N, C-alpha and C. Protein backbone atom coordinates (compact mmCIF):
# COMPACT_ATOMS: atom_id res chain seq x y z
N MET A 1 0.82 -1.25 -0.02
CA MET A 1 -0.01 -0.03 -0.06
C MET A 1 0.82 1.31 0.09
N ALA A 2 1.93 1.20 0.64
CA ALA A 2 2.83 2.35 0.70
C ALA A 2 3.41 2.66 -0.62
N PHE A 3 3.67 1.57 -1.39
CA PHE A 3 4.36 1.82 -2.73
C PHE A 3 3.38 2.46 -3.62
N ILE A 4 2.13 2.15 -3.51
CA ILE A 4 1.05 2.87 -4.32
C ILE A 4 1.00 4.26 -3.95
N ARG A 5 0.87 4.53 -2.61
CA ARG A 5 0.71 5.92 -2.19
C ARG A 5 1.93 6.77 -2.43
N GLN A 6 3.21 6.20 -2.35
CA GLN A 6 4.36 6.89 -2.49
C GLN A 6 4.89 7.13 -4.02
N TYR A 7 4.63 6.08 -4.67
CA TYR A 7 5.16 6.12 -6.21
C TYR A 7 4.00 6.13 -7.27
N LEU A 8 3.06 5.16 -7.25
CA LEU A 8 2.14 5.14 -8.30
C LEU A 8 1.22 6.47 -8.33
N LEU A 9 0.56 6.79 -7.33
CA LEU A 9 -0.33 7.83 -7.12
C LEU A 9 0.22 9.19 -7.64
N PRO A 10 1.35 9.66 -7.13
CA PRO A 10 2.02 10.76 -7.49
C PRO A 10 2.36 10.75 -9.03
N PHE A 11 2.91 9.66 -9.51
CA PHE A 11 3.14 9.43 -10.86
C PHE A 11 1.97 9.65 -11.79
N ALA A 12 0.77 9.11 -11.34
CA ALA A 12 -0.39 9.21 -12.05
C ALA A 12 -0.92 10.56 -12.13
N ILE A 13 -0.81 11.34 -11.05
CA ILE A 13 -1.21 12.85 -10.90
C ILE A 13 -0.35 13.60 -11.84
N VAL A 14 0.91 13.42 -11.87
CA VAL A 14 1.86 14.15 -12.75
C VAL A 14 1.47 13.74 -14.28
N LEU A 15 1.27 12.57 -14.42
CA LEU A 15 1.01 12.16 -15.81
C LEU A 15 -0.37 12.77 -16.41
N ILE A 16 -1.28 12.80 -15.55
CA ILE A 16 -2.52 13.42 -16.02
C ILE A 16 -2.45 14.93 -16.10
N PHE A 17 -1.64 15.60 -15.21
CA PHE A 17 -1.42 16.92 -15.26
C PHE A 17 -0.72 17.33 -16.57
N SER A 18 0.34 16.50 -16.85
CA SER A 18 1.25 16.78 -18.08
C SER A 18 0.23 16.52 -19.36
N ALA A 19 -0.54 15.57 -19.38
CA ALA A 19 -1.44 15.39 -20.52
C ALA A 19 -2.45 16.62 -20.75
N ALA A 20 -3.00 17.10 -19.60
CA ALA A 20 -3.84 18.30 -19.70
C ALA A 20 -3.07 19.40 -20.27
N LEU A 21 -1.72 19.60 -19.67
CA LEU A 21 -1.04 20.79 -20.06
C LEU A 21 -0.69 20.70 -21.51
N LEU A 22 -0.37 19.52 -22.08
CA LEU A 22 -0.05 19.36 -23.41
C LEU A 22 -1.24 19.67 -24.41
N ALA A 23 -2.37 19.28 -23.91
CA ALA A 23 -3.59 19.45 -24.68
C ALA A 23 -3.98 20.92 -24.79
N VAL A 24 -3.82 21.64 -23.60
CA VAL A 24 -4.13 23.13 -23.62
C VAL A 24 -3.03 23.92 -24.35
N SER A 25 -1.88 23.55 -24.11
CA SER A 25 -0.82 24.25 -24.87
C SER A 25 -0.70 23.91 -26.37
N ALA A 26 -1.25 23.03 -26.81
CA ALA A 26 -1.27 22.60 -28.26
C ALA A 26 -2.17 23.64 -29.12
N ARG A 27 -2.92 24.38 -28.48
CA ARG A 27 -3.70 25.42 -29.15
C ARG A 27 -2.77 26.57 -29.66
N ILE A 28 -1.62 26.71 -29.16
CA ILE A 28 -0.75 27.83 -29.56
C ILE A 28 -0.29 27.47 -30.93
N PHE A 29 -0.10 26.22 -31.34
CA PHE A 29 0.35 25.95 -32.62
C PHE A 29 -0.75 25.82 -33.69
N LEU A 30 -2.07 25.91 -33.33
CA LEU A 30 -3.01 25.90 -34.34
C LEU A 30 -3.21 27.12 -35.09
N PRO A 31 -3.59 27.00 -36.27
CA PRO A 31 -3.91 28.21 -37.10
C PRO A 31 -4.94 29.10 -36.28
N THR A 32 -5.03 30.35 -36.54
CA THR A 32 -5.91 31.10 -35.76
C THR A 32 -7.32 30.79 -36.01
N ASP A 33 -7.86 30.38 -37.18
CA ASP A 33 -9.06 30.09 -37.41
C ASP A 33 -9.59 28.78 -36.63
N LEU A 34 -8.62 27.92 -36.37
CA LEU A 34 -8.94 26.64 -35.49
C LEU A 34 -8.72 26.79 -34.09
N ALA A 35 -8.07 27.84 -33.59
CA ALA A 35 -7.78 28.21 -32.24
C ALA A 35 -9.03 28.96 -31.60
N ALA A 36 -9.90 29.47 -32.42
CA ALA A 36 -11.09 30.21 -32.01
C ALA A 36 -12.00 29.20 -31.18
N PRO A 37 -12.90 29.80 -30.29
CA PRO A 37 -13.98 28.90 -29.75
C PRO A 37 -14.94 28.64 -30.77
N ALA A 38 -15.59 27.56 -30.50
CA ALA A 38 -16.72 27.06 -31.53
C ALA A 38 -17.87 27.99 -31.55
N PRO A 39 -18.50 28.19 -32.56
CA PRO A 39 -19.53 29.20 -32.66
C PRO A 39 -20.78 28.58 -31.85
N VAL A 40 -21.52 29.52 -31.39
CA VAL A 40 -22.66 29.07 -30.53
C VAL A 40 -23.90 29.31 -31.23
N GLY A 41 -23.94 29.98 -32.50
CA GLY A 41 -25.06 30.22 -33.23
C GLY A 41 -25.86 28.93 -33.73
N SER A 42 -26.88 29.13 -34.53
CA SER A 42 -27.65 28.07 -35.11
C SER A 42 -26.85 27.33 -36.27
N VAL A 43 -27.09 26.08 -36.34
CA VAL A 43 -26.56 25.23 -37.30
C VAL A 43 -27.47 24.99 -38.51
N VAL A 44 -26.92 25.27 -39.74
CA VAL A 44 -27.73 25.00 -40.91
C VAL A 44 -27.72 23.60 -41.23
N VAL A 45 -28.87 22.96 -41.43
CA VAL A 45 -29.03 21.54 -41.57
C VAL A 45 -29.64 21.45 -43.00
N PRO A 46 -28.99 20.59 -44.01
CA PRO A 46 -29.63 20.58 -45.24
C PRO A 46 -31.05 19.94 -45.17
N PHE A 47 -31.99 20.48 -46.22
CA PHE A 47 -33.26 19.97 -46.13
C PHE A 47 -33.37 18.50 -46.30
N GLY A 48 -34.17 17.72 -45.58
CA GLY A 48 -34.36 16.29 -45.69
C GLY A 48 -33.28 15.51 -45.11
N PHE A 49 -32.41 16.10 -44.34
CA PHE A 49 -31.35 15.35 -43.52
C PHE A 49 -31.83 14.99 -42.28
N ASP A 50 -32.00 13.76 -41.79
CA ASP A 50 -32.53 13.43 -40.49
C ASP A 50 -31.39 13.03 -39.55
N GLY A 51 -30.16 13.17 -40.07
CA GLY A 51 -29.10 12.81 -39.07
C GLY A 51 -28.72 11.37 -38.96
N LEU A 52 -29.48 10.54 -39.58
CA LEU A 52 -29.27 9.06 -39.49
C LEU A 52 -28.83 8.39 -40.72
N SER A 53 -29.36 8.88 -41.91
CA SER A 53 -28.93 8.23 -43.12
C SER A 53 -28.42 9.31 -44.05
N LEU A 54 -27.76 8.90 -45.06
CA LEU A 54 -27.34 9.73 -46.23
C LEU A 54 -28.16 9.59 -47.40
N GLU A 55 -29.26 8.86 -47.42
CA GLU A 55 -30.05 8.63 -48.57
C GLU A 55 -30.69 9.93 -49.05
N GLY A 56 -30.58 10.21 -50.35
CA GLY A 56 -31.11 11.41 -50.95
C GLY A 56 -30.24 12.63 -50.78
N MET A 57 -29.16 12.41 -50.15
CA MET A 57 -28.17 13.73 -49.97
C MET A 57 -27.38 13.89 -51.17
N ASP A 58 -27.06 15.00 -51.64
CA ASP A 58 -26.22 15.30 -52.59
C ASP A 58 -24.74 15.50 -52.02
N LEU A 59 -23.90 14.53 -52.22
CA LEU A 59 -22.69 14.51 -51.54
C LEU A 59 -21.45 15.04 -52.43
N ARG A 60 -21.88 15.48 -53.70
CA ARG A 60 -20.80 16.00 -54.51
C ARG A 60 -20.01 17.16 -54.04
N GLY A 61 -20.69 18.13 -53.32
CA GLY A 61 -20.08 19.29 -52.83
C GLY A 61 -19.02 18.99 -51.66
N ILE A 62 -19.48 17.91 -50.87
CA ILE A 62 -18.62 17.49 -49.80
C ILE A 62 -17.42 16.63 -50.33
N TRP A 63 -17.61 15.82 -51.31
CA TRP A 63 -16.52 14.99 -51.82
C TRP A 63 -15.56 16.10 -52.64
N ALA A 64 -16.05 17.09 -53.27
CA ALA A 64 -15.23 17.98 -54.07
C ALA A 64 -14.39 18.81 -52.95
N GLY A 65 -14.87 18.99 -51.80
CA GLY A 65 -14.16 19.76 -50.75
C GLY A 65 -12.97 18.81 -50.32
N VAL A 66 -13.27 17.48 -50.29
CA VAL A 66 -12.20 16.59 -49.79
C VAL A 66 -11.08 16.36 -50.86
N GLY A 67 -11.41 16.67 -52.09
CA GLY A 67 -10.50 16.52 -53.26
C GLY A 67 -10.66 15.16 -54.00
N VAL A 68 -11.77 14.56 -53.83
CA VAL A 68 -12.07 13.39 -54.42
C VAL A 68 -13.02 13.76 -55.65
N GLY A 69 -12.64 13.22 -56.90
CA GLY A 69 -13.52 13.45 -57.94
C GLY A 69 -14.80 12.60 -58.01
N VAL A 70 -15.76 13.16 -58.44
CA VAL A 70 -17.11 12.29 -58.66
C VAL A 70 -17.54 12.41 -59.92
């Protein structure tokens, strides 16, 4: 029990703190448009999209943005 209290728990705390510090400081290296907070406004959903299937959706615009030819 003393081994866990003296070695493992402090190591786990430092490891979690380091991971959180790395995640937060990674925002410094993001482009400015990605480092901004997420927008809180309304989301525009295409007509007929129920969020469950892609049937009837025109995906040509999405694929063109990815660089895949259709």
